[in-house]
């Protein structure tokens, strides 16, 4: 992809601020388990301030995707994110996974989460990331109907692109994601069911460094997805700090929000 102003690669640092909804959206029994829910509380209590401090240190603007319920419960954190000049994107209401067979329920949840974010922030989000990247045939229709600028849910490309509906390009931009550039597959642990091992931070940094180096050589977009309750642990914040320094060591790297990337693609592609 050709970026303007001699930029070789654009980096998006994005954060899915799920808090407790990560644990209750798929297992309502967790409402009664404060220990389990405390992992989400950590994201709000410790993770968000640590991330904001790190982003200020590096003078980077990021995008935070937030479920409506989380915005309602932690409006002070939302205010702090906005005060630092970051973007807030739509991320459902209760971090509900989409049921492709129930489009009316999907619409209801989408509108409910959108209304919450508008009420708390005073502005309409322009980007949407579906919880767990679960999608349906109706998702793009909803985003186009509500005049969203971009989606960040698909894994069919590295660079962003215009979404095609009914064999026609639309003005909706897709900013692709990938599981290897998400902290959850490496760090998320669930004691009540099958779970992955918890990897050392250095291992994850090596994976991300390898992918960044390869993406940089191709001049593509690097879109990293992290979660405050996961990346917010001290050793992982230190790792992210070092990883940002690593990316900054490459010439002509730009850090941007989702909306900035999508506006560029809409204008030039």
C-alpha atoms as a PDB file:
ATOM      1  CA  UNK A   1       0.000   0.000   0.000  1.00  0.00           C
ATOM      2  CA  UNK A   2       1.235   3.497  -0.773  1.00  0.00           C
ATOM      3  CA  UNK A   3       1.090   5.840   2.218  1.00  0.00           C
ATOM      4  CA  UNK A   4       1.531   9.589   1.910  1.00  0.00           C
ATOM      5  CA  UNK A   5       4.399  11.745   3.198  1.00  0.00           C
ATOM      6  CA  UNK A   6       7.019   9.032   2.605  1.00  0.00           C
ATOM      7  CA  UNK A   7       5.458   6.775   5.269  1.00  0.00           C
ATOM      8  CA  UNK A   8       6.629   3.208   4.802  1.00  0.00           C
ATOM      9  CA  UNK A   9       4.273   1.503   7.265  1.00  0.00           C
ATOM     10  CA  UNK A  10       1.348   2.695   9.355  1.00  0.00           C
ATOM     11  CA  UNK A  11       0.869   1.203  12.821  1.00  0.00           C
ATOM     12  CA  UNK A  12      -2.443   1.047  14.661  1.00  0.00           C
ATOM     13  CA  UNK A  13      -2.310   0.304  18.377  1.00  0.00           C
ATOM     14  CA  UNK A  14      -5.883  -0.625  19.336  1.00  0.00           C
ATOM     15  CA  UNK A  15      -7.314  -1.627  22.699  1.00  0.00           C
ATOM     16  CA  UNK A  16     -10.522  -3.578  23.330  1.00  0.00           C
ATOM     17  CA  UNK A  17     -11.692  -2.302  26.728  1.00  0.00           C
ATOM     18  CA  UNK A  18     -14.038  -5.176  27.617  1.00  0.00           C
ATOM     19  CA  UNK A  19     -13.740  -5.083  31.434  1.00  0.00           C
ATOM     20  CA  UNK A  20     -16.147  -7.589  33.071  1.00  0.00           C
ATOM     21  CA  UNK A  21     -18.162  -8.094  29.869  1.00  0.00           C
ATOM     22  CA  UNK A  22     -15.428 -10.373  28.570  1.00  0.00           C
ATOM     23  CA  UNK A  23     -16.406 -12.847  31.299  1.00  0.00           C
ATOM     24  CA  UNK A  24     -20.172 -12.456  31.451  1.00  0.00           C
ATOM     25  CA  UNK A  25     -21.039 -12.219  27.765  1.00  0.00           C
ATOM     26  CA  UNK A  26     -20.632 -15.961  27.220  1.00  0.00           C
ATOM     27  CA  UNK A  27     -21.221 -17.297  30.727  1.00  0.00           C
ATOM     28  CA  UNK A  28     -23.887 -15.570  32.792  1.00  0.00           C
ATOM     29  CA  UNK A  29     -22.852 -17.690  35.815  1.00  0.00           C
ATOM     30  CA  UNK A  30     -19.831 -15.423  36.092  1.00  0.00           C
ATOM     31  CA  UNK A  31     -22.113 -12.646  37.358  1.00  0.00           C
ATOM     32  CA  UNK A  32     -21.907 -14.515  40.693  1.00  0.00           C
ATOM     33  CA  UNK A  33     -18.114 -14.951  40.616  1.00  0.00           C
ATOM     34  CA  UNK A  34     -16.354 -11.789  41.815  1.00  0.00           C
ATOM     35  CA  UNK A  35     -12.964 -13.439  41.534  1.00  0.00           C
ATOM     36  CA  UNK A  36     -13.468 -14.146  37.849  1.00  0.00           C
ATOM     37  CA  UNK A  37     -14.926 -10.696  37.247  1.00  0.00           C
ATOM     38  CA  UNK A  38     -12.016  -9.054  39.050  1.00  0.00           C
ATOM     39  CA  UNK A  39      -9.883  -9.781  35.973  1.00  0.00           C
ATOM     40  CA  UNK A  40     -12.085  -7.365  34.057  1.00  0.00           C
ATOM     41  CA  UNK A  41     -12.015  -4.869  36.918  1.00  0.00           C
ATOM     42  CA  UNK A  42      -8.215  -4.928  36.696  1.00  0.00           C
ATOM     43  CA  UNK A  43      -8.501  -3.727  33.105  1.00  0.00           C
ATOM     44  CA  UNK A  44     -10.413  -0.639  34.214  1.00  0.00           C
ATOM     45  CA  UNK A  45      -8.600  -0.066  37.499  1.00  0.00           C
ATOM     46  CA  UNK A  46      -4.989  -0.678  36.430  1.00  0.00           C
ATOM     47  CA  UNK A  47      -4.840  -1.497  32.721  1.00  0.00           C
ATOM     48  CA  UNK A  48      -6.353   1.678  31.282  1.00  0.00           C
ATOM     49  CA  UNK A  49      -4.224   4.108  33.360  1.00  0.00           C
ATOM     50  CA  UNK A  50      -1.071   2.121  32.525  1.00  0.00           C
ATOM     51  CA  UNK A  51      -1.875   2.150  28.805  1.00  0.00           C
ATOM     52  CA  UNK A  52      -2.691   5.853  28.773  1.00  0.00           C
ATOM     53  CA  UNK A  53       0.560   6.635  30.562  1.00  0.00           C
ATOM     54  CA  UNK A  54       2.490   4.592  28.003  1.00  0.00           C
ATOM     55  CA  UNK A  55       0.758   6.244  25.047  1.00  0.00           C
ATOM     56  CA  UNK A  56       1.474   9.708  26.482  1.00  0.00           C
ATOM     57  CA  UNK A  57       5.109   8.738  26.920  1.00  0.00           C
ATOM     58  CA  UNK A  58       5.370   7.850  23.230  1.00  0.00           C
ATOM     59  CA  UNK A  59       3.020  10.600  21.980  1.00  0.00           C
ATOM     60  CA  UNK A  60       0.777   8.050  20.239  1.00  0.00           C
ATOM     61  CA  UNK A  61      -2.955   8.336  19.556  1.00  0.00           C
ATOM     62  CA  UNK A  62      -4.872   5.053  19.614  1.00  0.00           C
ATOM     63  CA  UNK A  63      -8.343   3.625  19.177  1.00  0.00           C
ATOM     64  CA  UNK A  64     -10.211   2.059  22.104  1.00  0.00           C
ATOM     65  CA  UNK A  65     -13.152  -0.190  21.230  1.00  0.00           C
ATOM     66  CA  UNK A  66     -15.610  -0.188  24.142  1.00  0.00           C
ATOM     67  CA  UNK A  67     -18.879  -2.074  24.792  1.00  0.00           C
ATOM     68  CA  UNK A  68     -21.767   0.184  25.784  1.00  0.00           C
ATOM     69  CA  UNK A  69     -22.132  -1.391  29.220  1.00  0.00           C
ATOM     70  CA  UNK A  70     -18.458  -0.771  29.985  1.00  0.00           C
ATOM     71  CA  UNK A  71     -18.815   2.881  29.020  1.00  0.00           C
ATOM     72  CA  UNK A  72     -21.803   3.147  31.350  1.00  0.00           C
ATOM     73  CA  UNK A  73     -19.953   1.531  34.256  1.00  0.00           C
ATOM     74  CA  UNK A  74     -16.633   3.341  33.777  1.00  0.00           C
ATOM     75  CA  UNK A  75     -17.478   6.803  32.381  1.00  0.00           C
ATOM     76  CA  UNK A  76     -14.452   8.272  34.159  1.00  0.00           C
ATOM     77  CA  UNK A  77     -12.137   5.995  32.183  1.00  0.00           C
ATOM     78  CA  UNK A  78     -13.929   6.912  28.968  1.00  0.00           C
ATOM     79  CA  UNK A  79     -13.423  10.597  29.801  1.00  0.00           C
ATOM     80  CA  UNK A  80      -9.726  10.010  30.428  1.00  0.00           C
ATOM     81  CA  UNK A  81      -9.349   8.227  27.087  1.00  0.00           C
ATOM     82  CA  UNK A  82     -11.052  11.098  25.270  1.00  0.00           C
ATOM     83  CA  UNK A  83      -9.120  13.736  27.218  1.00  0.00           C
ATOM     84  CA  UNK A  84      -5.879  12.254  25.901  1.00  0.00           C
ATOM     85  CA  UNK A  85      -7.125  12.594  22.322  1.00  0.00           C
ATOM     86  CA  UNK A  86      -7.791   8.942  21.574  1.00  0.00           C
ATOM     87  CA  UNK A  87     -10.600   7.557  19.458  1.00  0.00           C
ATOM     88  CA  UNK A  88     -13.454   5.460  20.854  1.00  0.00           C
ATOM     89  CA  UNK A  89     -15.036   2.793  18.686  1.00  0.00           C
ATOM     90  CA  UNK A  90     -18.204   0.690  18.985  1.00  0.00           C
ATOM     91  CA  UNK A  91     -17.747  -2.810  20.466  1.00  0.00           C
ATOM     92  CA  UNK A  92     -21.265  -4.088  21.116  1.00  0.00           C
ATOM     93  CA  UNK A  93     -23.176  -3.593  24.333  1.00  0.00           C
ATOM     94  CA  UNK A  94     -22.404  -6.575  26.597  1.00  0.00           C
ATOM     95  CA  UNK A  95     -19.613  -7.914  24.370  1.00  0.00           C
ATOM     96  CA  UNK A  96     -22.258 -10.265  22.937  1.00  0.00           C
ATOM     97  CA  UNK A  97     -21.214 -12.686  20.238  1.00  0.00           C
ATOM     98  CA  UNK A  98     -23.267 -12.295  17.084  1.00  0.00           C
ATOM     99  CA  UNK A  99     -25.914 -14.902  16.236  1.00  0.00           C
ATOM    100  CA  UNK A 100     -26.104 -14.903  12.411  1.00  0.00           C
ATOM    101  CA  UNK A 101     -29.556 -16.501  12.615  1.00  0.00           C
ATOM    102  CA  UNK A 102     -31.028 -13.635  14.642  1.00  0.00           C
ATOM    103  CA  UNK A 103     -30.507 -10.401  12.669  1.00  0.00           C
ATOM    104  CA  UNK A 104     -33.103  -8.486  14.703  1.00  0.00           C
ATOM    105  CA  UNK A 105     -31.255  -9.266  17.932  1.00  0.00           C
ATOM    106  CA  UNK A 106     -28.008  -8.220  16.287  1.00  0.00           C
ATOM    107  CA  UNK A 107     -29.611  -4.913  15.282  1.00  0.00           C
ATOM    108  CA  UNK A 108     -31.009  -4.390  18.790  1.00  0.00           C
ATOM    109  CA  UNK A 109     -27.618  -4.937  20.418  1.00  0.00           C
ATOM    110  CA  UNK A 110     -25.857  -2.759  17.858  1.00  0.00           C
ATOM    111  CA  UNK A 111     -28.217   0.168  18.399  1.00  0.00           C
ATOM    112  CA  UNK A 112     -28.160  -0.235  22.193  1.00  0.00           C
ATOM    113  CA  UNK A 113     -24.351  -0.139  22.312  1.00  0.00           C
ATOM    114  CA  UNK A 114     -24.243   2.770  19.894  1.00  0.00           C
ATOM    115  CA  UNK A 115     -26.732   4.770  21.980  1.00  0.00           C
ATOM    116  CA  UNK A 116     -24.709   4.162  25.157  1.00  0.00           C
ATOM    117  CA  UNK A 117     -21.481   5.374  23.591  1.00  0.00           C
ATOM    118  CA  UNK A 118     -23.149   8.446  22.121  1.00  0.00           C
ATOM    119  CA  UNK A 119     -24.726   9.259  25.483  1.00  0.00           C
ATOM    120  CA  UNK A 120     -21.469   8.865  27.439  1.00  0.00           C
ATOM    121  CA  UNK A 121     -19.074  10.471  24.954  1.00  0.00           C
ATOM    122  CA  UNK A 122     -21.345  13.041  23.338  1.00  0.00           C
ATOM    123  CA  UNK A 123     -20.220  11.874  19.916  1.00  0.00           C
ATOM    124  CA  UNK A 124     -21.042   9.067  17.513  1.00  0.00           C
ATOM    125  CA  UNK A 125     -18.298   6.482  16.966  1.00  0.00           C
ATOM    126  CA  UNK A 126     -17.230   5.949  13.366  1.00  0.00           C
ATOM    127  CA  UNK A 127     -15.512   2.562  13.763  1.00  0.00           C
ATOM    128  CA  UNK A 128     -16.901  -0.823  14.778  1.00  0.00           C
ATOM    129  CA  UNK A 129     -15.191  -3.961  16.059  1.00  0.00           C
ATOM    130  CA  UNK A 130     -17.513  -6.862  16.767  1.00  0.00           C
ATOM    131  CA  UNK A 131     -16.859  -8.736  20.043  1.00  0.00           C
ATOM    132  CA  UNK A 132     -14.442 -11.618  19.332  1.00  0.00           C
ATOM    133  CA  UNK A 133     -14.623 -10.512  15.673  1.00  0.00           C
ATOM    134  CA  UNK A 134     -17.773 -12.617  15.314  1.00  0.00           C
ATOM    135  CA  UNK A 135     -19.674 -11.387  12.267  1.00  0.00           C
ATOM    136  CA  UNK A 136     -22.745 -12.068  10.156  1.00  0.00           C
ATOM    137  CA  UNK A 137     -24.047 -11.333   6.673  1.00  0.00           C
ATOM    138  CA  UNK A 138     -25.953  -8.415   8.189  1.00  0.00           C
ATOM    139  CA  UNK A 139     -23.031  -6.643   9.884  1.00  0.00           C
ATOM    140  CA  UNK A 140     -21.854  -4.567   6.949  1.00  0.00           C
ATOM    141  CA  UNK A 141     -25.450  -3.618   6.131  1.00  0.00           C
ATOM    142  CA  UNK A 142     -25.853  -2.263   9.673  1.00  0.00           C
ATOM    143  CA  UNK A 143     -22.629  -0.287   9.447  1.00  0.00           C
ATOM    144  CA  UNK A 144     -23.549   1.224   6.079  1.00  0.00           C
ATOM    145  CA  UNK A 145     -27.058   2.023   7.286  1.00  0.00           C
ATOM    146  CA  UNK A 146     -25.669   3.884  10.300  1.00  0.00           C
ATOM    147  CA  UNK A 147     -23.019   5.657   8.223  1.00  0.00           C
ATOM    148  CA  UNK A 148     -19.953   4.147   9.886  1.00  0.00           C
ATOM    149  CA  UNK A 149     -16.566   4.970   8.431  1.00  0.00           C
ATOM    150  CA  UNK A 150     -14.930   1.627   9.047  1.00  0.00           C
ATOM    151  CA  UNK A 151     -15.100  -1.930  10.350  1.00  0.00           C
ATOM    152  CA  UNK A 152     -12.196  -3.850  11.914  1.00  0.00           C
ATOM    153  CA  UNK A 153     -13.295  -7.480  11.896  1.00  0.00           C
ATOM    154  CA  UNK A 154     -12.079  -9.429   8.879  1.00  0.00           C
ATOM    155  CA  UNK A 155      -8.943 -11.494   8.298  1.00  0.00           C
ATOM    156  CA  UNK A 156      -8.892 -11.660   4.511  1.00  0.00           C
ATOM    157  CA  UNK A 157      -6.204  -9.041   3.904  1.00  0.00           C
ATOM    158  CA  UNK A 158      -3.323  -7.156   5.508  1.00  0.00           C
ATOM    159  CA  UNK A 159      -4.090  -3.731   4.115  1.00  0.00           C
ATOM    160  CA  UNK A 160      -7.441  -1.932   4.540  1.00  0.00           C
ATOM    161  CA  UNK A 161      -9.897  -1.932   1.642  1.00  0.00           C
ATOM    162  CA  UNK A 162     -13.347  -0.797   0.571  1.00  0.00           C
ATOM    163  CA  UNK A 163     -16.109  -3.226   1.496  1.00  0.00           C
ATOM    164  CA  UNK A 164     -17.942  -4.717  -1.475  1.00  0.00           C
ATOM    165  CA  UNK A 165     -21.706  -5.244  -1.194  1.00  0.00           C
ATOM    166  CA  UNK A 166     -23.868  -6.542  -4.041  1.00  0.00           C
ATOM    167  CA  UNK A 167     -20.838  -6.508  -6.343  1.00  0.00           C
ATOM    168  CA  UNK A 168     -20.285  -2.785  -5.738  1.00  0.00           C
ATOM    169  CA  UNK A 169     -17.599  -1.006  -3.763  1.00  0.00           C
ATOM    170  CA  UNK A 170     -18.953   1.005  -0.844  1.00  0.00           C
ATOM    171  CA  UNK A 171     -17.532   3.870   1.204  1.00  0.00           C
ATOM    172  CA  UNK A 172     -17.210   1.557   4.218  1.00  0.00           C
ATOM    173  CA  UNK A 173     -13.564   0.682   4.897  1.00  0.00           C
ATOM    174  CA  UNK A 174     -12.465  -2.626   6.381  1.00  0.00           C
ATOM    175  CA  UNK A 175      -9.302  -2.519   8.536  1.00  0.00           C
ATOM    176  CA  UNK A 176      -8.266  -6.183   8.856  1.00  0.00           C
ATOM    177  CA  UNK A 177      -7.242  -7.957  12.053  1.00  0.00           C
ATOM    178  CA  UNK A 178      -5.373 -11.205  12.743  1.00  0.00           C
ATOM    179  CA  UNK A 179      -5.163 -13.493  15.778  1.00  0.00           C
ATOM    180  CA  UNK A 180      -1.354 -13.474  15.830  1.00  0.00           C
ATOM    181  CA  UNK A 181      -1.523  -9.697  16.383  1.00  0.00           C
ATOM    182  CA  UNK A 182      -3.866 -10.020  19.370  1.00  0.00           C
ATOM    183  CA  UNK A 183      -2.681 -10.468  22.958  1.00  0.00           C
ATOM    184  CA  UNK A 184      -5.555 -12.792  23.959  1.00  0.00           C
ATOM    185  CA  UNK A 185      -4.402 -15.991  22.182  1.00  0.00           C
ATOM    186  CA  UNK A 186      -1.092 -15.770  24.043  1.00  0.00           C
ATOM    187  CA  UNK A 187      -2.172 -14.586  27.492  1.00  0.00           C
ATOM    188  CA  UNK A 188      -5.890 -15.135  28.129  1.00  0.00           C
ATOM    189  CA  UNK A 189      -6.469 -17.930  30.652  1.00  0.00           C
ATOM    190  CA  UNK A 190      -9.744 -19.502  31.768  1.00  0.00           C
ATOM    191  CA  UNK A 191      -9.565 -21.762  34.814  1.00  0.00           C
ATOM    192  CA  UNK A 192     -13.028 -23.325  34.304  1.00  0.00           C
ATOM    193  CA  UNK A 193     -12.512 -24.769  30.855  1.00  0.00           C
ATOM    194  CA  UNK A 194      -9.973 -25.652  28.167  1.00  0.00           C
ATOM    195  CA  UNK A 195      -7.426 -22.892  27.973  1.00  0.00           C
ATOM    196  CA  UNK A 196      -4.099 -22.071  26.402  1.00  0.00           C
ATOM    197  CA  UNK A 197      -0.837 -21.900  28.297  1.00  0.00           C
ATOM    198  CA  UNK A 198       0.254 -18.424  29.357  1.00  0.00           C
ATOM    199  CA  UNK A 199       3.241 -17.388  27.246  1.00  0.00           C
ATOM    200  CA  UNK A 200       6.177 -15.296  28.444  1.00  0.00           C
ATOM    201  CA  UNK A 201       5.993 -11.682  27.310  1.00  0.00           C
ATOM    202  CA  UNK A 202       9.284 -12.026  25.427  1.00  0.00           C
ATOM    203  CA  UNK A 203       7.861 -14.875  23.339  1.00  0.00           C
ATOM    204  CA  UNK A 204       4.917 -12.713  22.267  1.00  0.00           C
ATOM    205  CA  UNK A 205       7.162  -9.766  21.531  1.00  0.00           C
ATOM    206  CA  UNK A 206       9.250 -11.975  19.239  1.00  0.00           C
ATOM    207  CA  UNK A 207       6.124 -13.050  17.334  1.00  0.00           C
ATOM    208  CA  UNK A 208       5.034  -9.435  16.927  1.00  0.00           C
ATOM    209  CA  UNK A 209       8.526  -8.282  15.946  1.00  0.00           C
ATOM    210  CA  UNK A 210       8.759 -10.911  13.227  1.00  0.00           C
ATOM    211  CA  UNK A 211       5.392  -9.930  11.805  1.00  0.00           C
ATOM    212  CA  UNK A 212       6.099  -6.204  12.034  1.00  0.00           C
ATOM    213  CA  UNK A 213       9.413  -6.624  10.214  1.00  0.00           C
ATOM    214  CA  UNK A 214       7.742  -8.582   7.409  1.00  0.00           C
ATOM    215  CA  UNK A 215       4.830  -6.131   7.140  1.00  0.00           C
ATOM    216  CA  UNK A 216       7.216  -3.167   7.136  1.00  0.00           C
ATOM    217  CA  UNK A 217       9.200  -4.663   4.238  1.00  0.00           C
ATOM    218  CA  UNK A 218       5.944  -4.919   2.270  1.00  0.00           C
ATOM    219  CA  UNK A 219       4.754  -1.433   3.199  1.00  0.00           C
ATOM    220  CA  UNK A 220       1.472  -2.696   4.654  1.00  0.00           C
ATOM    221  CA  UNK A 221      -0.623  -1.853   7.713  1.00  0.00           C
ATOM    222  CA  UNK A 222       0.282  -3.202  11.157  1.00  0.00           C
ATOM    223  CA  UNK A 223      -2.871  -3.435  13.294  1.00  0.00           C
ATOM    224  CA  UNK A 224      -2.225  -4.614  16.872  1.00  0.00           C
ATOM    225  CA  UNK A 225      -5.132  -5.584  19.157  1.00  0.00           C
ATOM    226  CA  UNK A 226      -4.658  -5.574  22.938  1.00  0.00           C
ATOM    227  CA  UNK A 227      -6.926  -5.764  25.986  1.00  0.00           C
ATOM    228  CA  UNK A 228      -6.331  -3.625  29.102  1.00  0.00           C
ATOM    229  CA  UNK A 229      -6.996  -6.552  31.459  1.00  0.00           C
ATOM    230  CA  UNK A 230      -4.409  -8.640  29.571  1.00  0.00           C
ATOM    231  CA  UNK A 231      -1.697  -6.282  28.325  1.00  0.00           C
ATOM    232  CA  UNK A 232      -2.042  -4.176  31.495  1.00  0.00           C
ATOM    233  CA  UNK A 233       0.068  -6.523  33.636  1.00  0.00           C
ATOM    234  CA  UNK A 234       3.409  -4.853  34.532  1.00  0.00           C
ATOM    235  CA  UNK A 235       5.685  -7.163  32.540  1.00  0.00           C
ATOM    236  CA  UNK A 236       3.436  -6.890  29.483  1.00  0.00           C
ATOM    237  CA  UNK A 237       3.238  -3.104  29.648  1.00  0.00           C
ATOM    238  CA  UNK A 238       7.035  -3.100  29.761  1.00  0.00           C
ATOM    239  CA  UNK A 239       7.060  -5.445  26.770  1.00  0.00           C
ATOM    240  CA  UNK A 240       4.680  -3.180  24.833  1.00  0.00           C
ATOM    241  CA  UNK A 241       6.903  -0.212  25.716  1.00  0.00           C
ATOM    242  CA  UNK A 242       9.917  -2.035  24.285  1.00  0.00           C
ATOM    243  CA  UNK A 243       7.962  -3.144  21.237  1.00  0.00           C
ATOM    244  CA  UNK A 244       6.917   0.431  20.482  1.00  0.00           C
ATOM    245  CA  UNK A 245      10.572   1.467  20.747  1.00  0.00           C
ATOM    246  CA  UNK A 246      11.445  -1.342  18.329  1.00  0.00           C
ATOM    247  CA  UNK A 247       8.880  -0.170  15.765  1.00  0.00           C
ATOM    248  CA  UNK A 248      10.012   3.438  16.161  1.00  0.00           C
ATOM    249  CA  UNK A 249      13.572   2.369  15.342  1.00  0.00           C
ATOM    250  CA  UNK A 250      12.446   1.761  11.743  1.00  0.00           C
ATOM    251  CA  UNK A 251      12.415   4.832   9.482  1.00  0.00           C
ATOM    252  CA  UNK A 252       9.172   6.343   8.205  1.00  0.00           C
ATOM    253  CA  UNK A 253       6.765   4.599  10.561  1.00  0.00           C
ATOM    254  CA  UNK A 254       3.537   6.436  11.437  1.00  0.00           C
ATOM    255  CA  UNK A 255       1.178   5.634  14.326  1.00  0.00           C
ATOM    256  CA  UNK A 256      -2.481   6.348  13.610  1.00  0.00           C
ATOM    257  CA  UNK A 257      -6.026   5.800  14.828  1.00  0.00           C
ATOM    258  CA  UNK A 258      -8.516   3.665  12.945  1.00  0.00           C
ATOM    259  CA  UNK A 259     -10.440   6.701  11.751  1.00  0.00           C
ATOM    260  CA  UNK A 260      -7.295   8.339  10.365  1.00  0.00           C
ATOM    261  CA  UNK A 261      -6.390   5.198   8.425  1.00  0.00           C
ATOM    262  CA  UNK A 262      -9.937   4.737   7.117  1.00  0.00           C
ATOM    263  CA  UNK A 263     -10.226   8.379   6.008  1.00  0.00           C
ATOM    264  CA  UNK A 264      -6.955   8.023   4.101  1.00  0.00           C
ATOM    265  CA  UNK A 265      -8.131   4.852   2.344  1.00  0.00           C
ATOM    266  CA  UNK A 266     -11.508   6.410   1.511  1.00  0.00           C
ATOM    267  CA  UNK A 267      -9.794   9.457   0.009  1.00  0.00           C
ATOM    268  CA  UNK A 268      -7.010   7.773  -1.956  1.00  0.00           C
ATOM    269  CA  UNK A 269      -8.304   4.307  -2.804  1.00  0.00           C
END
